[in-house]
């Protein structure tokens, strides 16, 4: 029997832009728009600046554009840096079934190699759609999810990034199998990346896997080989990580009801499982016109995964931005203080704000077993806030804003893009980028879009 990788590669090699429904093309543009906004928002973060200094310091052939500074560098380096920018604020898209994933992490692979090859907008759209398709399918194949087995989801990104990169390069079926095998042979990522006190690697794990996928595709293009049994053969993925697997999910019904339609966007720049609770908190805080000093107690009921990730002891006293945006107590307290939650909520001075920490100590977060039974079809949270003057308000949320059942509107996306890019781009340039994305399928070269993604020299540092 053919390995699963062969069947995946056959589909990817054969599919063309003309096979995509109009709705699928439209969604690819929406996610690209959202992702570029996130990249501009993440451009000045400390982790991105460090990575830029290292990766651009190496120099090399000028193949692909780094968003923001506009510097051109080798395609793998540009893919890594742009992916890190998209991830840096934890504001990009989310899909969570057995495992979470952020499919937009892979968009820079299509952009970087698209520039290298002088690909069309249609080529990039198709590669983006395939990135979403397989990243989201991979997140469904493990029971329990690999996160529950102490592995990070970048373990799956090592496979899907090679497929995206391979498609934009126009690899044939054999080369795609090799690319998947090459990248999948050296990028298994332990869960320590997002456990306890978080570091800059929280945002970099997937970008490193994207970098590897780009390198793997370039090697496969030249004839470098990798194991075709990397997923389902001896000592491959399913033998190496204990638990049940359903690899048929990767190949069943391909080409119908593309997964991209079921991916969510983020209304808050924080870990995905915090969003339902935050939606409830903000509704109560707004209705009660609530301020931190009025709060007696806040009780949050949510799923066990959220408690494990977002409410361990380190999350009650975060010392890094990466830990703070994965701290449900911190996010709730910030949302009540400001009546909103934005990237500014995680500025360095907030990590020592006594008013905020006083409010965090009034927050209790516990598992509701009934909610666990509803996940992942629903992402339920219930919040009860009691005030010192005797008021009590409870609100429940089954899924947050940005979920496909409560999608971000075009106006929501425009406001998000503007808020993230306005300090770096003029109004005119913002409009040009949006228009170029709307017309992406008519662009003869993806470089015409990337050429717009450069900020003025006075703002690059």
Protein backbone atom coordinates (compact mmCIF):
# COMPACT_ATOMS: atom_id res chain seq x y z
CA UNK A 1 0.00 0.00 0.00
CA UNK A 2 1.18 3.53 -0.73
CA UNK A 3 2.26 5.55 2.30
CA UNK A 4 -0.04 8.39 3.31
CA UNK A 5 2.62 10.85 2.17
CA UNK A 6 2.25 9.55 -1.40
CA UNK A 7 -1.49 10.14 -1.37
CA UNK A 8 -1.08 13.64 0.02
CA UNK A 9 1.58 14.45 -2.55
CA UNK A 10 -0.57 13.17 -5.40
CA UNK A 11 -3.40 15.53 -4.41
CA UNK A 12 -1.10 18.53 -3.99
CA UNK A 13 0.71 17.93 -7.26
CA UNK A 14 -2.56 17.64 -9.21
CA UNK A 15 -4.69 20.45 -7.77
CA UNK A 16 -4.77 23.80 -9.57
CA UNK A 17 -6.11 27.26 -8.87
CA UNK A 18 -9.08 26.57 -11.13
CA UNK A 19 -10.20 23.86 -8.69
CA UNK A 20 -10.82 26.46 -5.95
CA UNK A 21 -14.35 27.79 -5.33
CA UNK A 22 -14.78 31.56 -5.22
CA UNK A 23 -15.54 31.44 -1.47
CA UNK A 24 -12.26 29.62 -0.84
CA UNK A 25 -10.30 32.23 -2.79
CA UNK A 26 -12.03 35.00 -0.86
CA UNK A 27 -11.18 33.40 2.49
CA UNK A 28 -7.52 33.02 1.48
CA UNK A 29 -7.40 36.77 0.83
CA UNK A 30 -9.06 37.54 4.16
CA UNK A 31 -6.53 35.47 6.07
CA UNK A 32 -3.63 37.01 4.17
CA UNK A 33 -4.95 40.49 5.03
CA UNK A 34 -5.31 39.55 8.69
CA UNK A 35 -1.84 37.97 8.74
CA UNK A 36 -0.06 40.97 7.20
CA UNK A 37 -1.72 43.17 9.81
CA UNK A 38 -0.38 40.88 12.53
CA UNK A 39 3.08 41.05 10.95
CA UNK A 40 3.12 44.84 11.07
CA UNK A 41 1.92 44.68 14.66
CA UNK A 42 4.73 42.31 15.59
CA UNK A 43 7.46 44.10 13.68
CA UNK A 44 8.93 46.07 16.60
CA UNK A 45 8.76 43.35 19.25
CA UNK A 46 12.03 42.48 20.92
CA UNK A 47 12.11 38.90 19.65
CA UNK A 48 11.64 40.02 16.03
CA UNK A 49 14.36 42.64 16.36
CA UNK A 50 16.82 40.08 17.74
CA UNK A 51 15.98 37.61 14.98
CA UNK A 52 16.32 40.31 12.30
CA UNK A 53 19.78 41.22 13.54
CA UNK A 54 20.93 37.61 13.37
CA UNK A 55 19.23 36.43 10.18
CA UNK A 56 19.86 39.60 8.16
CA UNK A 57 23.40 39.78 9.51
CA UNK A 58 24.20 36.64 7.54
CA UNK A 59 23.53 38.42 4.25
CA UNK A 60 23.15 36.08 1.28
CA UNK A 61 21.33 36.03 -2.02
CA UNK A 62 18.47 38.56 -2.26
CA UNK A 63 15.49 36.31 -2.98
CA UNK A 64 12.62 37.41 -0.79
CA UNK A 65 11.38 40.48 1.11
CA UNK A 66 11.30 40.88 4.87
CA UNK A 67 8.05 42.63 5.78
CA UNK A 68 8.60 46.06 7.31
CA UNK A 69 12.24 46.82 6.62
CA UNK A 70 11.92 45.66 3.00
CA UNK A 71 15.36 44.01 3.06
CA UNK A 72 15.74 41.10 0.66
CA UNK A 73 17.50 37.96 1.84
CA UNK A 74 17.52 34.18 1.20
CA UNK A 75 13.99 32.79 1.03
CA UNK A 76 14.26 30.54 4.13
CA UNK A 77 15.41 33.50 6.23
CA UNK A 78 12.61 35.74 4.99
CA UNK A 79 10.07 32.98 5.64
CA UNK A 80 11.28 32.61 9.22
CA UNK A 81 11.32 36.35 9.98
CA UNK A 82 7.92 37.02 8.43
CA UNK A 83 6.39 34.03 10.19
CA UNK A 84 7.80 35.24 13.50
CA UNK A 85 6.29 38.68 12.91
CA UNK A 86 2.88 37.14 12.26
CA UNK A 87 3.12 35.09 15.47
CA UNK A 88 4.80 37.67 17.71
CA UNK A 89 1.64 39.17 19.24
CA UNK A 90 -0.32 35.88 19.36
CA UNK A 91 -2.97 37.69 17.33
CA UNK A 92 -3.08 35.52 14.21
CA UNK A 93 -5.65 32.89 13.32
CA UNK A 94 -6.55 29.77 15.30
CA UNK A 95 -8.04 26.33 14.70
CA UNK A 96 -8.32 23.91 17.62
CA UNK A 97 -9.66 20.39 17.43
CA UNK A 98 -7.59 17.60 18.99
CA UNK A 99 -4.62 19.98 18.66
CA UNK A 100 -4.32 23.72 18.02
CA UNK A 101 -2.76 25.27 14.97
CA UNK A 102 -2.17 28.70 13.46
CA UNK A 103 -2.26 28.08 9.70
CA UNK A 104 -1.18 31.61 8.83
CA UNK A 105 2.27 30.75 10.22
CA UNK A 106 2.80 29.02 6.86
CA UNK A 107 1.80 31.95 4.63
CA UNK A 108 5.39 33.32 4.64
CA UNK A 109 6.63 30.09 3.05
CA UNK A 110 4.37 30.76 0.06
CA UNK A 111 5.34 34.44 -0.07
CA UNK A 112 9.11 33.90 0.21
CA UNK A 113 9.37 31.12 -2.35
CA UNK A 114 6.74 32.86 -4.46
CA UNK A 115 9.07 35.85 -4.74
CA UNK A 116 12.04 33.61 -5.41
CA UNK A 117 10.16 31.97 -8.28
CA UNK A 118 8.31 35.12 -9.39
CA UNK A 119 5.01 33.34 -8.80
CA UNK A 120 1.61 34.84 -9.58
CA UNK A 121 -1.02 35.84 -7.07
CA UNK A 122 -3.03 32.78 -8.07
CA UNK A 123 -0.06 30.52 -7.25
CA UNK A 124 0.18 32.05 -3.79
CA UNK A 125 -3.56 31.77 -3.14
CA UNK A 126 -3.46 28.07 -3.99
CA UNK A 127 -0.48 27.44 -1.72
CA UNK A 128 -2.17 29.33 1.13
CA UNK A 129 -5.33 27.25 0.76
CA UNK A 130 -3.27 24.04 0.86
CA UNK A 131 -1.43 25.27 3.93
CA UNK A 132 -4.71 25.74 5.76
CA UNK A 133 -6.05 22.44 4.45
CA UNK A 134 -3.28 20.26 5.77
CA UNK A 135 -2.36 22.22 8.88
CA UNK A 136 -5.96 21.96 10.03
CA UNK A 137 -6.25 18.29 9.05
CA UNK A 138 -3.09 17.43 10.96
CA UNK A 139 -4.57 19.02 14.09
CA UNK A 140 -7.38 16.44 13.98
CA UNK A 141 -5.47 13.17 13.54
CA UNK A 142 -4.25 12.43 17.09
CA UNK A 143 -6.43 11.20 19.96
CA UNK A 144 -5.63 12.49 22.46
CA UNK A 145 -3.94 15.44 20.78
CA UNK A 146 -0.18 15.53 20.80
CA UNK A 147 -0.32 18.47 23.18
CA UNK A 148 -1.89 16.10 25.70
CA UNK A 149 1.10 13.83 25.06
CA UNK A 150 3.49 16.69 25.93
CA UNK A 151 4.39 17.69 22.34
CA UNK A 152 3.93 21.09 20.70
CA UNK A 153 1.90 21.56 17.51
CA UNK A 154 4.98 22.79 15.63
CA UNK A 155 5.63 19.06 15.40
CA UNK A 156 2.92 19.05 12.72
CA UNK A 157 4.08 22.31 11.13
CA UNK A 158 7.29 20.58 10.11
CA UNK A 159 5.22 18.50 7.69
CA UNK A 160 2.74 21.06 6.40
CA UNK A 161 5.32 23.78 5.75
CA UNK A 162 7.16 21.48 3.38
CA UNK A 163 3.94 20.87 1.47
CA UNK A 164 3.20 24.60 1.09
CA UNK A 165 6.76 25.33 0.03
CA UNK A 166 6.75 22.39 -2.36
CA UNK A 167 3.56 23.48 -4.07
CA UNK A 168 4.70 27.05 -4.69
CA UNK A 169 7.93 25.63 -6.16
CA UNK A 170 5.93 23.35 -8.45
CA UNK A 171 7.44 20.12 -7.12
CA UNK A 172 6.21 16.86 -8.59
CA UNK A 173 4.74 14.06 -6.51
CA UNK A 174 8.05 12.35 -5.78
CA UNK A 175 9.71 15.61 -4.79
CA UNK A 176 6.81 16.51 -2.48
CA UNK A 177 7.14 13.18 -0.69
CA UNK A 178 10.84 13.83 -0.24
CA UNK A 179 10.27 17.37 1.02
CA UNK A 180 7.80 16.13 3.62
CA UNK A 181 10.21 13.40 4.69
CA UNK A 182 13.20 15.76 4.90
CA UNK A 183 11.49 18.37 7.05
CA UNK A 184 9.70 15.76 9.14
CA UNK A 185 12.93 14.06 10.10
CA UNK A 186 14.29 16.71 12.47
CA UNK A 187 11.68 19.06 13.89
CA UNK A 188 9.71 17.30 16.64
CA UNK A 189 8.99 20.02 19.23
CA UNK A 190 8.49 19.30 22.96
CA UNK A 191 5.63 20.92 24.86
CA UNK A 192 8.07 22.81 27.08
CA UNK A 193 7.83 25.59 24.49
CA UNK A 194 4.45 26.63 25.95
CA UNK A 195 4.59 25.21 29.49
CA UNK A 196 5.00 27.25 32.68
CA UNK A 197 7.04 30.43 32.30
CA UNK A 198 7.09 31.22 28.59
CA UNK A 199 10.00 32.54 26.56
CA UNK A 200 10.49 33.92 23.06
CA UNK A 201 10.42 30.37 21.74
CA UNK A 202 6.67 30.35 22.31
CA UNK A 203 6.30 32.40 19.14
CA UNK A 204 9.31 30.99 17.30
CA UNK A 205 8.64 27.25 17.35
CA UNK A 206 6.37 27.29 14.30
CA UNK A 207 8.48 29.81 12.36
CA UNK A 208 11.49 27.52 12.80
CA UNK A 209 9.40 24.65 11.41
CA UNK A 210 8.38 26.89 8.49
CA UNK A 211 12.04 27.68 7.85
CA UNK A 212 12.78 23.98 7.77
CA UNK A 213 9.95 23.28 5.36
CA UNK A 214 11.27 25.87 2.93
CA UNK A 215 14.77 24.39 3.11
CA UNK A 216 13.35 20.88 2.68
CA UNK A 217 11.44 21.86 -0.47
CA UNK A 218 14.52 23.51 -1.97
CA UNK A 219 16.57 20.39 -1.26
CA UNK A 220 13.90 18.11 -2.71
CA UNK A 221 13.77 20.25 -5.85
CA UNK A 222 17.43 19.38 -6.44
CA UNK A 223 16.97 15.66 -5.81
CA UNK A 224 17.64 15.34 -2.06
CA UNK A 225 15.59 12.47 -0.62
CA UNK A 226 13.70 11.88 2.60
CA UNK A 227 11.76 8.92 4.08
CA UNK A 228 8.40 8.35 2.41
CA UNK A 229 7.23 6.47 5.51
CA UNK A 230 7.79 9.47 7.81
CA UNK A 231 4.13 9.48 8.85
CA UNK A 232 2.93 5.89 8.91
CA UNK A 233 5.95 3.60 8.52
CA UNK A 234 8.44 2.01 10.85
CA UNK A 235 9.51 4.52 13.51
CA UNK A 236 7.61 7.29 11.75
CA UNK A 237 5.24 9.77 13.40
CA UNK A 238 2.55 7.33 14.52
CA UNK A 239 5.02 4.79 15.91
CA UNK A 240 7.14 7.41 17.63
CA UNK A 241 4.42 9.27 19.54
CA UNK A 242 2.19 7.00 21.62
CA UNK A 243 -1.59 7.18 21.33
CA UNK A 244 -4.30 6.65 18.75
CA UNK A 245 -4.09 8.06 15.24
CA UNK A 246 -6.46 8.46 12.32
CA UNK A 247 -4.32 9.31 9.30
CA UNK A 248 -7.31 8.85 7.00
CA UNK A 249 -8.31 12.38 8.05
CA UNK A 250 -5.34 13.63 6.02
CA UNK A 251 -6.67 12.21 2.75
CA UNK A 252 -10.43 11.67 3.07
CA UNK A 253 -12.62 13.87 0.87
CA UNK A 254 -9.78 16.10 -0.29
CA UNK A 255 -10.89 18.93 -2.55
CA UNK A 256 -14.34 19.28 -0.98
CA UNK A 257 -15.36 21.78 1.70
CA UNK A 258 -11.90 23.23 2.08
CA UNK A 259 -10.83 23.49 5.73
CA UNK A 260 -9.97 27.19 5.45
CA UNK A 261 -13.70 27.97 5.82
CA UNK A 262 -13.61 26.54 9.35
CA UNK A 263 -10.61 28.46 10.67
CA UNK A 264 -11.11 31.22 13.21
CA UNK A 265 -9.59 34.66 13.60
CA UNK A 266 -8.59 36.37 16.83
CA UNK A 267 -10.32 39.40 18.27
CA UNK A 268 -7.77 39.54 21.12
CA UNK A 269 -3.94 39.19 20.99
CA UNK A 270 -3.86 36.28 23.43
CA UNK A 271 -3.91 32.49 23.63
CA UNK A 272 -7.00 31.11 21.93
CA UNK A 273 -8.62 29.37 24.89
CA UNK A 274 -8.80 32.68 26.77
CA UNK A 275 -11.12 34.25 24.23
CA UNK A 276 -14.47 32.90 25.43
CA UNK A 277 -13.81 33.94 29.03
CA UNK A 278 -12.59 37.36 27.92
CA UNK A 279 -15.70 37.87 25.79
CA UNK A 280 -17.82 37.16 28.88
CA UNK A 281 -15.70 39.39 31.14
CA UNK A 282 -15.87 42.36 28.80
CA UNK A 283 -19.63 42.04 28.46
CA UNK A 284 -20.09 42.06 32.24
CA UNK A 285 -17.56 44.85 32.80
CA UNK A 286 -19.30 47.00 30.21
CA UNK A 287 -22.81 46.35 31.52
CA UNK A 288 -21.80 47.08 35.13
CA UNK A 289 -19.42 49.91 34.21
CA UNK A 290 -17.02 47.99 36.42
CA UNK A 291 -13.67 49.18 37.73
CA UNK A 292 -11.00 47.08 39.47
CA UNK A 293 -11.54 48.58 42.94
CA UNK A 294 -15.23 47.56 42.87
CA UNK A 295 -14.50 43.85 42.33
CA UNK A 296 -14.91 41.44 45.22
CA UNK A 297 -14.31 38.23 43.27
CA UNK A 298 -14.21 36.79 39.75
CA UNK A 299 -14.89 33.11 39.14
CA UNK A 300 -14.16 31.56 35.78
CA UNK A 301 -15.37 28.11 34.74
CA UNK A 302 -13.75 26.71 31.63
CA UNK A 303 -12.24 23.60 30.10
CA UNK A 304 -9.33 21.67 31.60
CA UNK A 305 -6.98 22.56 28.74
CA UNK A 306 -7.50 26.26 29.43
CA UNK A 307 -6.84 25.83 33.15
CA UNK A 308 -3.68 23.83 32.44
CA UNK A 309 -2.30 26.33 29.92
CA UNK A 310 -3.56 29.63 31.28
CA UNK A 311 -3.87 29.37 35.06
CA UNK A 312 -0.88 27.54 36.56
CA UNK A 313 0.96 29.46 39.34
CA UNK A 314 3.38 31.14 36.92
CA UNK A 315 0.41 32.78 35.18
CA UNK A 316 -0.56 34.70 38.33
CA UNK A 317 2.77 36.54 38.32
CA UNK A 318 3.95 36.68 34.70
CA UNK A 319 7.39 38.20 34.17
CA UNK A 320 7.44 38.12 30.36
CA UNK A 321 5.06 39.31 27.66
CA UNK A 322 4.89 35.77 26.32
CA UNK A 323 3.71 34.47 29.70
CA UNK A 324 1.28 37.38 30.16
CA UNK A 325 -0.59 36.73 26.91
CA UNK A 326 -0.96 33.11 28.04
CA UNK A 327 -2.17 34.17 31.51
CA UNK A 328 -5.95 34.22 31.88
CA UNK A 329 -5.78 36.12 35.21
CA UNK A 330 -3.56 38.80 33.64
CA UNK A 331 -5.78 39.10 30.56
CA UNK A 332 -8.98 39.33 32.59
CA UNK A 333 -7.55 41.95 34.93
CA UNK A 334 -6.24 43.99 31.97
CA UNK A 335 -9.59 43.76 30.20
CA UNK A 336 -11.43 45.10 33.26
CA UNK A 337 -8.90 47.90 33.81
CA UNK A 338 -9.03 49.11 30.19
CA UNK A 339 -12.45 47.84 29.00
CA UNK A 340 -10.53 46.32 26.11
CA UNK A 341 -7.53 44.10 25.39
CA UNK A 342 -4.93 45.19 22.82
CA UNK A 343 -1.20 44.67 22.23
CA UNK A 344 -0.62 47.67 24.50
CA UNK A 345 -2.08 45.64 27.36
CA UNK A 346 1.20 43.71 27.46
CA UNK A 347 3.62 46.64 27.54
CA UNK A 348 6.58 46.03 29.91
CA UNK A 349 5.28 48.42 32.57
CA UNK A 350 2.07 46.37 32.87
CA UNK A 351 4.06 43.45 34.27
CA UNK A 352 4.70 45.42 37.47
CA UNK A 353 1.34 47.19 37.75
CA UNK A 354 0.20 46.81 41.39
CA UNK A 355 -3.41 47.69 40.60
CA UNK A 356 -3.52 44.94 38.01
CA UNK A 357 -1.94 42.33 40.29
CA UNK A 358 -4.30 43.19 43.12
CA UNK A 359 -7.21 42.41 40.81
CA UNK A 360 -5.58 39.19 39.57
CA UNK A 361 -5.54 37.86 43.14
CA UNK A 362 -9.34 38.04 43.20
CA UNK A 363 -9.66 35.71 40.20
CA UNK A 364 -10.39 31.98 40.59
CA UNK A 365 -10.25 29.70 37.56
CA UNK A 366 -11.57 26.15 37.69
CA UNK A 367 -12.48 23.26 35.42
CA UNK A 368 -16.10 22.62 34.54
CA UNK A 369 -16.29 18.91 33.50
CA UNK A 370 -19.46 19.56 31.52
CA UNK A 371 -17.59 22.10 29.41
CA UNK A 372 -14.84 19.56 28.75
CA UNK A 373 -17.42 17.23 27.22
CA UNK A 374 -18.47 19.99 24.78
CA UNK A 375 -14.96 20.77 23.53
CA UNK A 376 -13.85 21.13 20.71
CA UNK A 377 -17.27 21.61 19.10
CA UNK A 378 -17.76 24.43 21.57
CA UNK A 379 -15.26 26.48 23.56
CA UNK A 380 -17.40 27.29 26.59
CA UNK A 381 -16.62 29.55 29.53
CA UNK A 382 -18.78 30.95 32.33
CA UNK A 383 -17.75 34.04 34.28
CA UNK A 384 -19.31 35.24 37.54
CA UNK A 385 -18.29 38.63 38.94
CA UNK A 386 -19.27 39.80 42.41
CA UNK A 387 -18.80 43.40 43.50
CA UNK A 388 -18.13 44.83 46.94
CA UNK A 389 -21.55 46.53 46.96
CA UNK A 390 -23.38 43.22 46.53
CA UNK A 391 -23.97 43.07 42.78
CA UNK A 392 -23.52 39.75 40.96
CA UNK A 393 -23.43 39.10 37.24
CA UNK A 394 -22.89 35.85 35.32
CA UNK A 395 -22.37 35.42 31.61
CA UNK A 396 -21.62 32.32 29.53
CA UNK A 397 -20.03 32.13 26.11
CA UNK A 398 -19.99 29.03 23.89
CA UNK A 399 -17.56 30.38 21.30
CA UNK A 400 -15.86 33.76 20.94
CA UNK A 401 -15.92 36.48 18.34
CA UNK A 402 -13.81 35.37 15.37
CA UNK A 403 -15.08 31.80 15.44
CA UNK A 404 -16.51 30.83 12.02
CA UNK A 405 -19.95 30.86 13.68
CA UNK A 406 -19.36 34.47 14.75
CA UNK A 407 -16.95 35.68 12.08
CA UNK A 408 -14.97 38.88 11.96
CA UNK A 409 -16.68 41.27 9.55
CA UNK A 410 -14.74 43.19 6.90
CA UNK A 411 -15.05 46.25 9.10
CA UNK A 412 -13.60 44.27 12.03
CA UNK A 413 -10.67 43.23 9.85
CA UNK A 414 -10.09 46.78 8.62
CA UNK A 415 -10.06 48.11 12.18
CA UNK A 416 -7.66 45.38 13.28
CA UNK A 417 -5.33 45.95 10.32
CA UNK A 418 -5.33 49.71 10.87
CA UNK A 419 -4.70 49.44 14.61
CA UNK A 420 -1.73 47.15 14.01
CA UNK A 421 -0.16 48.99 11.09
CA UNK A 422 -1.01 52.67 11.56
CA UNK A 423 2.26 53.50 13.35
CA UNK A 424 4.25 52.00 10.49
CA UNK A 425 2.22 52.70 7.35
CA UNK A 426 0.55 55.76 5.90
CA UNK A 427 -3.18 55.64 5.20
CA UNK A 428 -2.34 55.55 1.51
CA UNK A 429 -0.06 52.54 1.86
CA UNK A 430 -2.60 50.68 4.00
CA UNK A 431 -5.16 51.19 1.25
CA UNK A 432 -2.74 50.02 -1.44
CA UNK A 433 -1.97 46.81 0.46
CA UNK A 434 -5.66 46.07 0.98
CA UNK A 435 -6.38 46.68 -2.71
CA UNK A 436 -3.48 44.48 -3.81
CA UNK A 437 -4.83 41.64 -1.67
CA UNK A 438 -8.34 42.08 -3.06
CA UNK A 439 -6.85 41.84 -6.55
CA UNK A 440 -4.37 39.11 -5.64
CA UNK A 441 -5.67 36.68 -8.25
CA UNK A 442 -4.89 39.21 -10.97
CA UNK A 443 -1.29 39.93 -9.88
CA UNK A 444 1.27 38.65 -12.36
CA UNK A 445 3.95 38.69 -9.66
CA UNK A 446 3.59 38.38 -5.89
CA UNK A 447 6.51 40.79 -5.57
CA UNK A 448 4.15 43.68 -6.37
CA UNK A 449 2.38 43.01 -3.05
CA UNK A 450 5.56 42.55 -1.03
CA UNK A 451 6.98 45.77 -2.45
CA UNK A 452 4.15 47.60 -0.69
CA UNK A 453 4.97 46.04 2.68
CA UNK A 454 7.85 48.37 3.46
CA UNK A 455 7.76 51.10 6.05
CA UNK A 456 9.70 54.35 5.85
CA UNK A 457 13.36 54.27 6.87
CA UNK A 458 12.68 56.55 9.85
CA UNK A 459 10.38 53.91 11.35
CA UNK A 460 12.43 50.75 10.85
CA UNK A 461 14.26 50.85 14.17
